[in-house]
Amino acid sequence: MAKVSTRGCSVRGSPNGTPLGRVGGRRPVVDDDKRAAILDRRKRGESIRAIAAGVKVSVGVVHKTLADAQLAAAESNPR
């Protein structure tokens, strides 16, 4: 049996590949409410571990959310 190459099917779109415009991956854990809670708690001086426990997300999610917010703030306020 010949092997059929499916390389690029999800990029180009095909009947057997991912339709155009769709991207795979996990859904984000943090919605707008959780993001606001994380940023507010950090502004009040809470540790990343305390925030993660309080919002019931992982330490990595809190760290990424804070880093993304810091990057967005830096991009919106260039020196």
N, C-alpha and C. Protein backbone atom coordinates (compact mmCIF):
# COMPACT_ATOMS: atom_id res chain seq x y z
N MET A 1 0.85 -1.16 0.00
CA MET A 1 0.00 0.00 0.00
C MET A 1 0.90 1.24 0.00
N ALA A 2 0.61 2.18 -0.85
CA ALA A 2 1.41 3.40 -0.96
C ALA A 2 1.04 4.37 0.16
N LYS A 3 2.06 5.02 0.68
CA LYS A 3 1.84 5.99 1.74
C LYS A 3 1.43 7.32 1.12
N VAL A 4 0.33 7.89 1.59
CA VAL A 4 -0.16 9.16 1.09
C VAL A 4 0.38 10.27 1.97
N SER A 5 0.99 11.26 1.35
CA SER A 5 1.53 12.38 2.11
C SER A 5 0.41 13.35 2.47
N THR A 6 0.30 13.65 3.75
CA THR A 6 -0.69 14.63 4.20
C THR A 6 -0.02 15.91 4.64
N ARG A 7 1.26 16.04 4.29
CA ARG A 7 2.01 17.22 4.70
C ARG A 7 1.37 18.48 4.11
N GLY A 8 1.06 19.42 4.93
CA GLY A 8 0.49 20.68 4.48
C GLY A 8 -1.02 20.67 4.36
N CYS A 9 -1.67 19.54 4.61
CA CYS A 9 -3.12 19.50 4.48
C CYS A 9 -3.80 20.48 5.43
N SER A 10 -3.30 20.57 6.64
CA SER A 10 -3.95 21.47 7.58
C SER A 10 -3.65 22.93 7.27
N VAL A 11 -2.57 23.18 6.54
CA VAL A 11 -2.24 24.55 6.18
C VAL A 11 -3.06 24.99 4.98
N ARG A 12 -3.12 24.15 3.96
CA ARG A 12 -3.85 24.49 2.73
C ARG A 12 -5.35 24.28 2.88
N GLY A 13 -5.72 23.35 3.68
CA GLY A 13 -7.12 22.96 3.79
C GLY A 13 -7.41 21.88 2.77
N SER A 14 -8.09 20.86 3.16
CA SER A 14 -8.45 19.78 2.26
C SER A 14 -9.63 19.05 2.89
N PRO A 15 -10.28 18.20 2.12
CA PRO A 15 -11.42 17.47 2.71
C PRO A 15 -11.02 16.66 3.94
N ASN A 16 -9.77 16.16 3.96
CA ASN A 16 -9.33 15.34 5.08
C ASN A 16 -8.52 16.13 6.10
N GLY A 17 -8.14 17.35 5.75
CA GLY A 17 -7.33 18.17 6.65
C GLY A 17 -8.20 19.17 7.39
N THR A 18 -7.55 20.06 8.08
CA THR A 18 -8.25 21.09 8.82
C THR A 18 -8.81 22.11 7.83
N PRO A 19 -10.07 22.51 7.96
CA PRO A 19 -10.60 23.54 7.07
C PRO A 19 -9.82 24.84 7.20
N LEU A 20 -9.79 25.62 6.16
CA LEU A 20 -9.07 26.88 6.19
C LEU A 20 -9.60 27.77 7.32
N GLY A 21 -8.69 28.45 7.96
CA GLY A 21 -9.08 29.37 9.02
C GLY A 21 -9.16 28.75 10.40
N ARG A 22 -9.08 27.44 10.51
CA ARG A 22 -9.16 26.78 11.80
C ARG A 22 -7.76 26.46 12.28
N VAL A 23 -7.52 26.67 13.55
CA VAL A 23 -6.22 26.37 14.13
C VAL A 23 -6.45 25.45 15.31
N GLY A 24 -5.60 24.45 15.45
CA GLY A 24 -5.75 23.51 16.55
C GLY A 24 -5.17 24.06 17.84
N GLY A 25 -5.15 23.24 18.86
CA GLY A 25 -4.59 23.63 20.13
C GLY A 25 -5.63 23.68 21.23
N ARG A 26 -5.13 23.88 22.43
CA ARG A 26 -6.02 23.94 23.59
C ARG A 26 -6.67 25.30 23.70
N ARG A 27 -7.82 25.30 24.29
CA ARG A 27 -8.50 26.57 24.57
C ARG A 27 -7.82 27.24 25.74
N PRO A 28 -7.80 28.57 25.76
CA PRO A 28 -7.18 29.27 26.88
C PRO A 28 -7.91 28.99 28.20
N VAL A 29 -7.14 28.88 29.27
CA VAL A 29 -7.71 28.64 30.60
C VAL A 29 -8.22 29.95 31.19
N VAL A 30 -7.56 31.04 30.85
CA VAL A 30 -7.85 32.33 31.48
C VAL A 30 -8.83 33.13 30.62
N ASP A 31 -9.99 33.43 31.18
CA ASP A 31 -10.92 34.32 30.51
C ASP A 31 -10.69 35.73 31.03
N ASP A 32 -11.48 36.68 30.60
CA ASP A 32 -11.28 38.08 30.99
C ASP A 32 -11.42 38.30 32.50
N ASP A 33 -12.36 37.59 33.13
CA ASP A 33 -12.55 37.75 34.57
C ASP A 33 -11.35 37.24 35.36
N LYS A 34 -10.85 36.06 34.98
CA LYS A 34 -9.68 35.51 35.67
C LYS A 34 -8.45 36.38 35.44
N ARG A 35 -8.31 36.88 34.21
CA ARG A 35 -7.17 37.75 33.90
C ARG A 35 -7.20 39.00 34.78
N ALA A 36 -8.37 39.60 34.90
CA ALA A 36 -8.51 40.79 35.74
C ALA A 36 -8.19 40.48 37.20
N ALA A 37 -8.64 39.32 37.68
CA ALA A 37 -8.38 38.93 39.06
C ALA A 37 -6.88 38.71 39.28
N ILE A 38 -6.22 38.07 38.32
CA ILE A 38 -4.78 37.82 38.43
C ILE A 38 -4.03 39.14 38.49
N LEU A 39 -4.34 40.06 37.58
CA LEU A 39 -3.64 41.34 37.53
C LEU A 39 -3.91 42.18 38.79
N ASP A 40 -5.14 42.14 39.27
CA ASP A 40 -5.49 42.90 40.48
C ASP A 40 -4.76 42.35 41.71
N ARG A 41 -4.74 41.03 41.84
CA ARG A 41 -4.07 40.42 42.99
C ARG A 41 -2.57 40.70 42.97
N ARG A 42 -1.98 40.69 41.77
CA ARG A 42 -0.54 40.97 41.67
C ARG A 42 -0.26 42.42 42.02
N LYS A 43 -1.15 43.31 41.60
CA LYS A 43 -1.00 44.74 41.92
C LYS A 43 -1.05 44.97 43.43
N ARG A 44 -1.82 44.10 44.13
CA ARG A 44 -1.90 44.20 45.59
C ARG A 44 -0.71 43.54 46.28
N GLY A 45 0.18 42.93 45.49
CA GLY A 45 1.41 42.38 46.06
C GLY A 45 1.39 40.91 46.39
N GLU A 46 0.37 40.19 45.96
CA GLU A 46 0.32 38.75 46.25
C GLU A 46 1.35 38.01 45.42
N SER A 47 1.82 36.89 45.95
CA SER A 47 2.79 36.07 45.23
C SER A 47 2.09 35.32 44.10
N ILE A 48 2.89 34.86 43.16
CA ILE A 48 2.33 34.11 42.03
C ILE A 48 1.67 32.82 42.52
N ARG A 49 2.28 32.17 43.50
CA ARG A 49 1.69 30.93 44.03
C ARG A 49 0.36 31.18 44.73
N ALA A 50 0.28 32.27 45.48
CA ALA A 50 -0.97 32.59 46.17
C ALA A 50 -2.06 32.93 45.17
N ILE A 51 -1.69 33.65 44.11
CA ILE A 51 -2.67 33.99 43.06
C ILE A 51 -3.16 32.72 42.38
N ALA A 52 -2.24 31.83 42.04
CA ALA A 52 -2.61 30.58 41.37
C ALA A 52 -3.57 29.76 42.22
N ALA A 53 -3.30 29.68 43.51
CA ALA A 53 -4.18 28.92 44.40
C ALA A 53 -5.55 29.59 44.52
N GLY A 54 -5.57 30.91 44.59
CA GLY A 54 -6.82 31.63 44.74
C GLY A 54 -7.70 31.60 43.51
N VAL A 55 -7.08 31.67 42.33
CA VAL A 55 -7.84 31.70 41.08
C VAL A 55 -8.05 30.29 40.53
N LYS A 56 -7.37 29.31 41.13
CA LYS A 56 -7.47 27.90 40.75
C LYS A 56 -6.97 27.66 39.33
N VAL A 57 -5.78 28.20 39.04
CA VAL A 57 -5.05 27.92 37.81
C VAL A 57 -3.62 27.58 38.19
N SER A 58 -2.84 27.13 37.24
CA SER A 58 -1.46 26.76 37.54
C SER A 58 -0.58 27.99 37.70
N VAL A 59 0.57 27.80 38.33
CA VAL A 59 1.55 28.86 38.49
C VAL A 59 2.02 29.34 37.12
N GLY A 60 2.18 28.41 36.19
CA GLY A 60 2.61 28.77 34.84
C GLY A 60 1.61 29.66 34.13
N VAL A 61 0.33 29.40 34.32
CA VAL A 61 -0.70 30.23 33.70
C VAL A 61 -0.66 31.64 34.27
N VAL A 62 -0.46 31.76 35.58
CA VAL A 62 -0.36 33.08 36.20
C VAL A 62 0.86 33.81 35.67
N HIS A 63 1.98 33.12 35.61
CA HIS A 63 3.22 33.73 35.12
C HIS A 63 3.06 34.21 33.68
N LYS A 64 2.46 33.39 32.83
CA LYS A 64 2.25 33.76 31.43
C LYS A 64 1.29 34.94 31.32
N THR A 65 0.25 34.96 32.10
CA THR A 65 -0.72 36.06 32.07
C THR A 65 -0.05 37.37 32.47
N LEU A 66 0.77 37.31 33.52
CA LEU A 66 1.47 38.52 33.96
C LEU A 66 2.49 38.99 32.92
N ALA A 67 3.19 38.04 32.30
CA ALA A 67 4.18 38.39 31.28
C ALA A 67 3.50 39.00 30.06
N ASP A 68 2.38 38.44 29.64
CA ASP A 68 1.64 38.97 28.50
C ASP A 68 1.13 40.38 28.79
N ALA A 69 0.66 40.61 30.01
CA ALA A 69 0.16 41.93 30.38
C ALA A 69 1.30 42.94 30.41
N GLN A 70 2.46 42.52 30.90
CA GLN A 70 3.62 43.41 30.94
C GLN A 70 4.08 43.75 29.53
N LEU A 71 4.08 42.78 28.64
CA LEU A 71 4.47 43.00 27.25
C LEU A 71 3.49 43.95 26.56
N ALA A 72 2.21 43.74 26.80
CA ALA A 72 1.18 44.60 26.19
C ALA A 72 1.31 46.03 26.69
N ALA A 73 1.62 46.19 27.98
CA ALA A 73 1.80 47.53 28.53
C ALA A 73 3.01 48.20 27.94
N ALA A 74 4.08 47.44 27.74
CA ALA A 74 5.31 47.99 27.17
C ALA A 74 5.10 48.41 25.71
N GLU A 75 4.31 47.63 24.97
CA GLU A 75 4.04 47.94 23.57
C GLU A 75 3.14 49.16 23.43
N SER A 76 2.22 49.34 24.36
CA SER A 76 1.29 50.48 24.27
C SER A 76 1.91 51.77 24.79
N ASN A 77 2.98 51.68 25.57
CA ASN A 77 3.65 52.86 26.12
C ASN A 77 5.14 52.87 25.76
N PRO A 78 5.46 53.05 24.47
CA PRO A 78 6.89 53.08 24.13
C PRO A 78 7.55 54.34 24.66
N ARG A 79 8.82 54.24 24.95
CA ARG A 79 9.53 55.38 25.52
C ARG A 79 9.94 56.35 24.48
